Amino acid sequence: MKIESIRLKNFKTFQNTTLDNIPNLFVIVGANGTGKSALFQVFGFLKDCLTYNVAAAVQSQGGWGELVSRGHEQESLAVELQFRMEISGVERRVSYFLELDRQDNKVEVAREILRYKRGAHGSPVHFLDFTRGRGQAVVNEDDFNKTGEKLTKEDQDLDAADILAVKGLGQFAKFKAANAFRQFMENWHISDFQINLARGSKDAAGVSTHLSVSGDNLQLVANRLYQEKREIFNKVLELLKNRVPGINSIEPEPTKDGRIGLKFQDSSFVDSFGDKYVSDGTIKMFAYLLLLYDPQPHPLLCVGEPEKQVYPQLLGELAEEFRSYAKRGGQVFVSTHSPDFLDAINLEEVFWLVKIGGYSKVCRAKDDKQIAAFMADGDKMGYLWKHGFFPEVDPQ
């Protein structure tokens, strides 16, 4: 699954923005306040809409006034994604459109559409089309692959106007497009890694399938790989040993009270020690490697400023790990302020944000002839960014 384009209308600083031809590894830079965090919040917001409801998702962003572009609070907000995904055994280019507005001071789904084409030509079919909790959905999607077969649409009525149709209908197998898109969104990972939450022993009964957004189940994930996927755990350990001087081994340690901790072994000492004696950078690198070598990669991974607490010379290797993850099928979005990280990024993977008239504008590095020429001559992306070759990127 791969997101190919994003269109935003009145979403925070993105008043009218379109991103096309998005690469597998998407790296965004820009001065503080230009909208890097807001771009990632698009994904978090959509996932919250699915997990809870639209009203709760809006409230988690600070309310309608904080979510909608300044000066456009009386207008609607819209997000449209176009992406590749497999439906009924066939890869499709699917479009998902969501428009929200306020009715009687309540946020509602003004329009929600999920559509895709039968082939390369012709108009896309609306497999799901809802307005304020009511609409239609195709119920015989398997017939879509059969030439000449007519599609059957059923009227559907959701419980409320602030519930996504892909949430309500996506739980049923017969609505294949909605079901596939729901699973796609449910498995997005928008990282908000917190060093303080990642340390210490954790209740062994917690979730261990994937690393959590905050990293607070790091010990449980490590223990699961150690017990069930030792070859992956050993690979992560070898990579960490090559990047962190002195680390010789890591082992999950069950405690008598039913918790799981981590024990680190330094090659210079006989006794192992708990993670409270390990540097922030070591903990963060271990967490990133567990995330990037997850046996079931997330279809979308968003990471903000991975350079924090990480030694600069390791950032190039980390960038390669992100690219490798993206090639295995998990698309990666990264924001950064680090020239060292950017030095390992290709021309077509870099974008930057500028603020014009209070709203964000997205620029693409490969569209800038001067940057493209410098890169062709062997210059590094981080050097060009640090020395002001990205037009209008520096704070004014």
Protein backbone atom coordinates (compact mmCIF):
# COMPACT_ATOMS: atom_id res chain seq x y z
CA MET A 1 0.00 0.00 0.00
CA LYS A 2 1.36 3.42 -0.92
CA ILE A 3 -0.01 6.95 -0.64
CA GLU A 4 0.58 8.71 -3.96
CA SER A 5 -1.03 12.09 -3.37
CA ILE A 6 -2.53 14.23 -0.61
CA ARG A 7 -4.86 17.19 -1.02
CA LEU A 8 -5.64 19.44 1.94
CA LYS A 9 -8.19 22.23 2.23
CA ASN A 10 -8.27 24.38 5.37
CA PHE A 11 -6.30 21.91 7.49
CA LYS A 12 -4.31 24.03 9.95
CA THR A 13 -1.58 25.90 8.02
CA PHE A 14 -2.46 24.07 4.77
CA GLN A 15 -5.17 26.26 3.34
CA ASN A 16 -5.02 24.81 -0.19
CA THR A 17 -2.25 22.27 -0.74
CA THR A 18 -1.67 19.33 -3.07
CA LEU A 19 1.21 16.85 -2.87
CA ASP A 20 1.60 14.55 -5.89
CA ASN A 21 3.95 11.68 -6.75
CA ILE A 22 4.89 11.05 -3.12
CA PRO A 23 7.94 8.76 -2.87
CA ASN A 24 8.26 5.70 -0.63
CA LEU A 25 10.60 7.71 1.63
CA PHE A 26 9.32 11.26 2.07
CA VAL A 27 11.57 13.67 3.99
CA ILE A 28 10.36 17.17 4.89
CA VAL A 29 12.41 20.10 6.21
CA GLY A 30 11.56 23.67 7.09
CA ALA A 31 11.90 26.37 9.70
CA ASN A 32 9.96 26.10 12.95
CA GLY A 33 6.29 26.92 12.50
CA THR A 34 6.13 26.19 8.77
CA GLY A 35 3.84 23.17 9.18
CA LYS A 36 5.97 20.02 9.46
CA SER A 37 4.09 18.80 12.53
CA ALA A 38 0.76 19.82 10.99
CA LEU A 39 1.47 17.64 7.94
CA PHE A 40 2.02 14.58 10.14
CA GLN A 41 -1.07 15.48 12.16
CA VAL A 42 -3.16 14.82 9.06
CA PHE A 43 -2.48 11.10 9.51
CA GLY A 44 -2.96 11.16 13.27
CA PHE A 45 -6.21 13.06 12.87
CA LEU A 46 -7.62 10.62 10.30
CA LYS A 47 -6.66 7.68 12.49
CA ASP A 48 -8.37 9.31 15.50
CA CYS A 49 -11.50 9.88 13.38
CA LEU A 50 -11.52 6.16 12.64
CA THR A 51 -10.65 4.97 16.14
CA TYR A 52 -13.11 7.24 17.97
CA ASN A 53 -15.32 9.62 16.01
CA VAL A 54 -14.92 12.94 14.22
CA ALA A 55 -16.00 15.07 17.19
CA ALA A 56 -13.43 13.42 19.51
CA ALA A 57 -10.70 13.70 16.87
CA VAL A 58 -11.39 17.41 16.41
CA GLN A 59 -11.34 17.96 20.16
CA SER A 60 -7.98 16.19 20.45
CA GLN A 61 -6.59 18.85 18.10
CA GLY A 62 -7.82 21.65 20.34
CA GLY A 63 -11.24 22.15 18.77
CA TRP A 64 -12.50 23.36 15.41
CA GLY A 65 -10.86 26.77 15.75
CA GLU A 66 -7.41 25.21 16.16
CA LEU A 67 -7.90 22.63 13.40
CA VAL A 68 -9.20 24.82 10.58
CA SER A 69 -6.97 27.30 8.77
CA ARG A 70 -7.00 30.76 10.35
CA GLY A 71 -9.56 33.03 8.72
CA HIS A 72 -11.52 30.08 7.29
CA GLU A 73 -13.31 28.87 10.43
CA GLN A 74 -16.73 29.23 8.79
CA GLU A 75 -15.76 27.01 5.87
CA SER A 76 -15.40 23.25 5.57
CA LEU A 77 -12.21 21.23 5.99
CA ALA A 78 -11.27 18.53 3.49
CA VAL A 79 -8.63 15.82 3.15
CA GLU A 80 -8.23 13.63 0.07
CA LEU A 81 -5.78 10.73 -0.26
CA GLN A 82 -4.99 8.76 -3.38
CA PHE A 83 -3.16 5.51 -2.81
CA ARG A 84 -2.38 2.05 -4.18
CA MET A 85 -3.81 -0.95 -2.38
CA GLU A 86 -4.93 -4.49 -3.13
CA ILE A 87 -8.67 -5.13 -3.15
CA SER A 88 -10.06 -8.59 -3.98
CA GLY A 89 -6.67 -9.69 -5.29
CA VAL A 90 -6.20 -6.74 -7.67
CA GLU A 91 -4.07 -3.63 -7.03
CA ARG A 92 -6.19 -0.48 -7.38
CA ARG A 93 -5.54 3.25 -7.32
CA VAL A 94 -8.07 4.31 -4.69
CA SER A 95 -9.23 7.77 -3.69
CA TYR A 96 -10.59 8.62 -0.25
CA PHE A 97 -12.25 12.02 0.28
CA LEU A 98 -13.38 13.37 3.64
CA GLU A 99 -15.05 16.76 4.15
CA LEU A 100 -16.05 18.08 7.58
CA ASP A 101 -18.04 21.13 8.59
CA ARG A 102 -20.12 22.41 11.50
CA GLN A 103 -23.88 22.24 11.79
CA ASP A 104 -25.42 23.85 14.89
CA ASN A 105 -21.92 24.03 16.42
CA LYS A 106 -21.45 20.27 15.99
CA VAL A 107 -18.76 18.84 13.71
CA GLU A 108 -20.21 16.49 11.10
CA VAL A 109 -19.08 14.48 8.10
CA ALA A 110 -20.36 16.67 5.27
CA ARG A 111 -19.17 14.16 2.61
CA GLU A 112 -17.19 10.92 2.56
CA ILE A 113 -16.31 9.09 -0.64
CA LEU A 114 -14.24 5.98 -1.37
CA ARG A 115 -13.82 5.30 -5.08
CA TYR A 116 -11.65 3.53 -7.65
CA LYS A 117 -11.74 2.52 -11.33
CA ARG A 118 -12.33 -0.86 -12.95
CA GLY A 119 -9.34 -0.28 -15.27
CA ALA A 120 -7.05 2.41 -16.65
CA HIS A 121 -9.91 4.22 -18.36
CA GLY A 122 -13.39 5.36 -17.47
CA SER A 123 -14.84 7.12 -14.46
CA PRO A 124 -14.19 5.83 -10.94
CA VAL A 125 -17.01 4.03 -9.16
CA HIS A 126 -18.15 5.35 -5.78
CA PHE A 127 -18.04 2.23 -3.60
CA LEU A 128 -18.97 4.35 -0.61
CA ASP A 129 -20.67 7.74 -0.76
CA PHE A 130 -22.08 9.31 2.41
CA THR A 131 -23.43 12.66 3.50
CA ARG A 132 -24.10 13.38 7.20
CA GLY A 133 -24.39 9.76 8.24
CA ARG A 134 -26.46 8.53 5.32
CA GLY A 135 -25.46 7.20 1.94
CA GLN A 136 -24.89 4.21 -0.29
CA ALA A 137 -22.30 1.43 -0.48
CA VAL A 138 -21.61 -1.24 -3.10
CA VAL A 139 -22.29 -4.72 -1.70
CA ASN A 140 -21.09 -6.96 -4.58
CA GLU A 141 -17.54 -5.69 -5.08
CA ASP A 142 -16.32 -9.11 -6.21
CA ASP A 143 -18.36 -8.58 -9.38
CA PHE A 144 -16.35 -5.43 -10.12
CA ASN A 145 -13.62 -7.57 -11.73
CA LYS A 146 -16.14 -9.29 -14.02
CA THR A 147 -16.75 -7.46 -17.28
CA GLY A 148 -20.38 -6.54 -17.79
CA GLU A 149 -21.50 -7.24 -14.25
CA LYS A 150 -23.64 -4.56 -12.66
CA LEU A 151 -22.86 -3.32 -9.19
CA THR A 152 -25.50 -3.28 -6.48
CA LYS A 153 -25.69 -0.37 -4.05
CA GLU A 154 -27.54 -0.44 -0.75
CA ASP A 155 -28.76 2.50 1.29
CA GLN A 156 -27.02 2.68 4.66
CA ASP A 157 -27.73 4.77 7.75
CA LEU A 158 -25.01 5.28 10.38
CA ASP A 159 -25.75 5.92 14.03
CA ALA A 160 -24.59 9.55 13.89
CA ALA A 161 -23.31 12.21 11.50
CA ASP A 162 -19.87 12.32 13.15
CA ILE A 163 -18.99 8.65 12.48
CA LEU A 164 -16.92 7.66 9.46
CA ALA A 165 -18.62 5.29 7.05
CA VAL A 166 -15.33 3.40 6.61
CA LYS A 167 -15.48 2.71 10.35
CA GLY A 168 -19.10 1.58 10.42
CA LEU A 169 -19.05 -0.45 7.19
CA GLY A 170 -15.37 -1.38 7.21
CA GLN A 171 -15.96 -4.00 9.91
CA PHE A 172 -17.99 -6.07 7.43
CA ALA A 173 -16.15 -8.26 4.90
CA LYS A 174 -18.71 -7.64 2.13
CA PHE A 175 -17.67 -3.98 1.94
CA LYS A 176 -14.22 -4.90 0.66
CA ALA A 177 -12.89 -1.43 -0.22
CA ALA A 178 -14.03 0.04 3.11
CA ASN A 179 -12.68 -2.99 4.97
CA ALA A 180 -9.27 -2.78 3.26
CA PHE A 181 -8.98 0.99 3.81
CA ARG A 182 -9.99 0.66 7.45
CA GLN A 183 -7.23 -1.89 8.05
CA PHE A 184 -4.79 0.35 6.16
CA MET A 185 -5.49 3.30 8.48
CA GLU A 186 -5.64 1.22 11.66
CA ASN A 187 -2.06 0.09 11.05
CA TRP A 188 -0.54 3.54 10.54
CA HIS A 189 2.19 4.38 13.07
CA ILE A 190 2.69 8.06 13.90
CA SER A 191 5.63 7.97 16.29
CA ASP A 192 5.73 10.13 19.41
CA PHE A 193 8.59 8.31 21.11
CA GLN A 194 9.14 9.29 24.76
CA ILE A 195 12.46 8.25 26.34
CA ASN A 196 11.08 8.46 29.89
CA LEU A 197 8.17 6.15 29.05
CA ALA A 198 10.41 3.63 27.30
CA ARG A 199 12.57 2.99 30.37
CA GLY A 200 11.87 0.67 33.31
CA SER A 201 10.13 -2.67 33.72
CA LYS A 202 6.63 -3.15 32.31
CA ASP A 203 3.67 -5.37 33.13
CA ALA A 204 4.20 -8.57 31.15
CA ALA A 205 0.47 -8.72 30.31
CA GLY A 206 0.68 -5.61 28.10
CA VAL A 207 0.51 -5.31 24.29
CA SER A 208 3.59 -6.68 22.52
CA THR A 209 2.51 -7.02 18.88
CA HIS A 210 4.02 -3.70 17.74
CA LEU A 211 6.01 -0.93 19.37
CA SER A 212 3.53 1.63 20.69
CA VAL A 213 3.45 5.24 19.52
CA SER A 214 5.21 6.40 22.71
CA GLY A 215 7.50 3.35 23.00
CA ASP A 216 6.18 2.52 26.47
CA ASN A 217 6.02 -1.21 25.62
CA LEU A 218 9.63 -1.44 24.40
CA GLN A 219 10.48 -4.25 26.85
CA LEU A 220 7.45 -6.33 25.83
CA VAL A 221 8.18 -6.04 22.11
CA ALA A 222 11.84 -6.93 22.70
CA ASN A 223 10.78 -9.94 24.79
CA ARG A 224 8.36 -11.18 22.12
CA LEU A 225 11.05 -11.03 19.42
CA TYR A 226 13.56 -12.64 21.77
CA GLN A 227 11.18 -15.52 22.50
CA GLU A 228 9.49 -15.97 19.11
CA LYS A 229 11.70 -14.35 16.44
CA ARG A 230 15.22 -14.78 17.78
CA GLU A 231 16.83 -14.28 14.36
CA ILE A 232 15.26 -10.80 14.09
CA PHE A 233 16.21 -9.95 17.67
CA ASN A 234 19.80 -11.03 16.99
CA LYS A 235 19.93 -8.90 13.84
CA VAL A 236 18.73 -5.86 15.81
CA LEU A 237 21.33 -6.58 18.48
CA GLU A 238 24.17 -6.86 15.94
CA LEU A 239 23.17 -3.57 14.32
CA LEU A 240 23.05 -1.89 17.72
CA LYS A 241 26.45 -3.31 18.72
CA ASN A 242 27.97 -1.82 15.56
CA ARG A 243 26.60 1.61 16.43
CA VAL A 244 26.92 1.85 20.21
CA PRO A 245 30.39 1.28 21.66
CA GLY A 246 30.55 -1.29 24.46
CA ILE A 247 27.08 -2.85 24.14
CA ASN A 248 27.66 -6.60 23.99
CA SER A 249 24.21 -8.05 24.61
CA ILE A 250 20.62 -7.22 25.59
CA GLU A 251 18.28 -9.68 27.24
CA PRO A 252 14.69 -9.30 28.44
CA GLU A 253 14.48 -10.14 32.15
CA PRO A 254 11.23 -11.34 33.78
CA THR A 255 10.82 -10.15 37.36
CA LYS A 256 9.24 -11.98 40.28
CA ASP A 257 6.21 -9.69 40.27
CA GLY A 258 5.25 -10.52 36.65
CA ARG A 259 6.97 -7.67 34.86
CA ILE A 260 9.53 -7.49 32.04
CA GLY A 261 12.73 -5.42 32.11
CA LEU A 262 15.83 -5.18 29.92
CA LYS A 263 19.35 -6.07 30.97
CA PHE A 264 22.30 -4.60 29.06
CA GLN A 265 25.80 -6.08 29.05
CA ASP A 266 28.85 -3.87 28.47
CA SER A 267 31.86 -5.79 27.16
CA SER A 268 34.09 -3.96 29.69
CA PHE A 269 32.20 -5.24 32.74
CA VAL A 270 31.15 -8.59 34.16
CA ASP A 271 27.76 -7.60 35.57
CA SER A 272 24.81 -6.58 33.41
CA PHE A 273 22.75 -3.48 34.26
CA GLY A 274 19.24 -2.10 33.82
CA ASP A 275 18.20 0.44 31.21
CA LYS A 276 18.28 3.35 33.69
CA TYR A 277 22.07 3.31 33.23
CA VAL A 278 21.84 3.35 29.43
CA SER A 279 22.04 6.59 27.42
CA ASP A 280 18.97 8.15 25.79
CA GLY A 281 20.56 7.66 22.37
CA THR A 282 21.07 3.93 22.95
CA ILE A 283 17.46 3.44 24.07
CA LYS A 284 16.15 5.41 21.11
CA MET A 285 18.31 3.57 18.56
CA PHE A 286 17.23 0.21 20.01
CA ALA A 287 13.57 1.29 19.76
CA TYR A 288 13.98 2.47 16.15
CA LEU A 289 15.60 -0.83 15.15
CA LEU A 290 12.79 -2.82 16.79
CA LEU A 291 10.30 -0.66 14.91
CA LEU A 292 12.10 -0.93 11.57
CA TYR A 293 12.60 -4.69 11.80
CA ASP A 294 9.05 -5.45 12.90
CA PRO A 295 8.03 -8.76 11.25
CA GLN A 296 4.80 -7.06 10.15
CA PRO A 297 5.76 -3.57 8.93
CA HIS A 298 3.30 -0.72 9.26
CA PRO A 299 1.97 0.43 5.85
CA LEU A 300 2.70 4.01 6.93
CA LEU A 301 5.36 5.14 9.40
CA CYS A 302 5.75 8.81 10.45
CA VAL A 303 8.78 9.88 12.48
CA GLY A 304 9.48 13.44 13.61
CA GLU A 305 13.09 14.59 14.07
CA PRO A 306 14.79 11.18 14.46
CA GLU A 307 18.12 12.96 15.05
CA LYS A 308 17.26 13.85 18.65
CA GLN A 309 19.54 11.99 21.13
CA VAL A 310 21.23 10.14 18.23
CA TYR A 311 24.93 10.59 17.47
CA PRO A 312 25.25 12.56 14.17
CA GLN A 313 27.47 9.99 12.43
CA LEU A 314 24.77 7.34 12.91
CA LEU A 315 22.09 9.33 11.10
CA GLY A 316 23.19 8.26 7.64
CA GLU A 317 22.78 4.61 8.62
CA LEU A 318 19.42 5.37 10.16
CA ALA A 319 18.31 7.03 6.92
CA GLU A 320 19.28 3.88 5.03
CA GLU A 321 17.25 1.81 7.50
CA PHE A 322 14.19 4.00 6.81
CA ARG A 323 14.70 3.58 3.05
CA SER A 324 15.06 -0.19 3.39
CA TYR A 325 11.86 -0.31 5.46
CA ALA A 326 10.04 1.67 2.76
CA LYS A 327 11.24 -0.74 0.06
CA ARG A 328 9.80 -3.66 2.04
CA GLY A 329 6.36 -2.08 1.79
CA GLY A 330 6.09 0.39 4.65
CA GLN A 331 5.99 3.97 3.36
CA VAL A 332 7.97 6.36 5.58
CA PHE A 333 7.43 10.09 6.28
CA VAL A 334 10.22 11.85 8.20
CA SER A 335 10.67 15.46 9.32
CA THR A 336 14.16 16.64 10.20
CA HIS A 337 16.41 19.58 11.03
CA SER A 338 19.61 17.58 10.61
CA PRO A 339 22.09 18.18 7.74
CA ASP A 340 23.73 14.84 8.66
CA PHE A 341 20.46 12.99 8.10
CA LEU A 342 19.77 14.91 4.89
CA ASP A 343 23.18 14.02 3.49
CA ALA A 344 21.95 10.44 3.12
CA ILE A 345 18.69 11.42 1.38
CA ASN A 346 18.17 11.36 -2.38
CA LEU A 347 17.04 14.35 -4.45
CA GLU A 348 13.56 12.97 -5.21
CA GLU A 349 12.90 12.19 -1.53
CA VAL A 350 13.28 15.75 -0.18
CA PHE A 351 10.60 18.41 0.24
CA TRP A 352 10.56 21.66 2.19
CA LEU A 353 7.93 23.99 3.61
CA VAL A 354 7.73 27.76 3.50
CA LYS A 355 5.14 30.12 5.00
CA ILE A 356 3.54 32.55 2.57
CA GLY A 357 0.79 34.88 3.81
CA GLY A 358 0.40 32.76 6.92
CA TYR A 359 -0.14 29.47 5.05
CA SER A 360 2.23 26.61 4.24
CA LYS A 361 3.56 25.91 0.78
CA VAL A 362 5.25 22.61 -0.12
CA CYS A 363 8.32 22.74 -2.38
CA ARG A 364 9.99 19.73 -4.01
CA ALA A 365 13.77 19.57 -4.21
CA LYS A 366 13.87 17.82 -7.58
CA ASP A 367 11.80 20.65 -9.11
CA ASP A 368 14.47 23.21 -8.21
CA LYS A 369 16.95 23.33 -11.13
CA GLN A 370 19.80 24.73 -9.05
CA ILE A 371 19.49 22.10 -6.31
CA ALA A 372 19.17 19.34 -8.92
CA ALA A 373 22.31 20.61 -10.69
CA PHE A 374 24.30 20.77 -7.45
CA MET A 375 23.25 17.23 -6.54
CA ALA A 376 24.20 15.99 -10.03
CA ASP A 377 27.67 17.50 -9.47
CA GLY A 378 28.07 15.50 -6.25
CA ASP A 379 26.97 17.96 -3.56
CA LYS A 380 25.12 16.62 -0.52
CA MET A 381 21.55 17.60 0.35
CA GLY A 382 22.41 18.49 3.96
CA TYR A 383 25.17 20.87 2.85
CA LEU A 384 22.82 22.64 0.42
CA TRP A 385 20.12 23.01 3.06
CA LYS A 386 22.52 24.23 5.75
CA HIS A 387 24.05 26.84 3.44
CA GLY A 388 20.77 28.38 2.31
CA PHE A 389 20.27 26.92 -1.17
CA PHE A 390 16.63 26.03 -0.44
CA PRO A 391 14.66 29.13 -1.54
CA GLU A 392 12.77 30.91 1.27
CA VAL A 393 13.32 28.04 3.72
CA ASP A 394 15.20 30.03 6.38
CA PRO A 395 13.27 32.11 8.96
CA GLN A 396 12.70 35.67 7.76
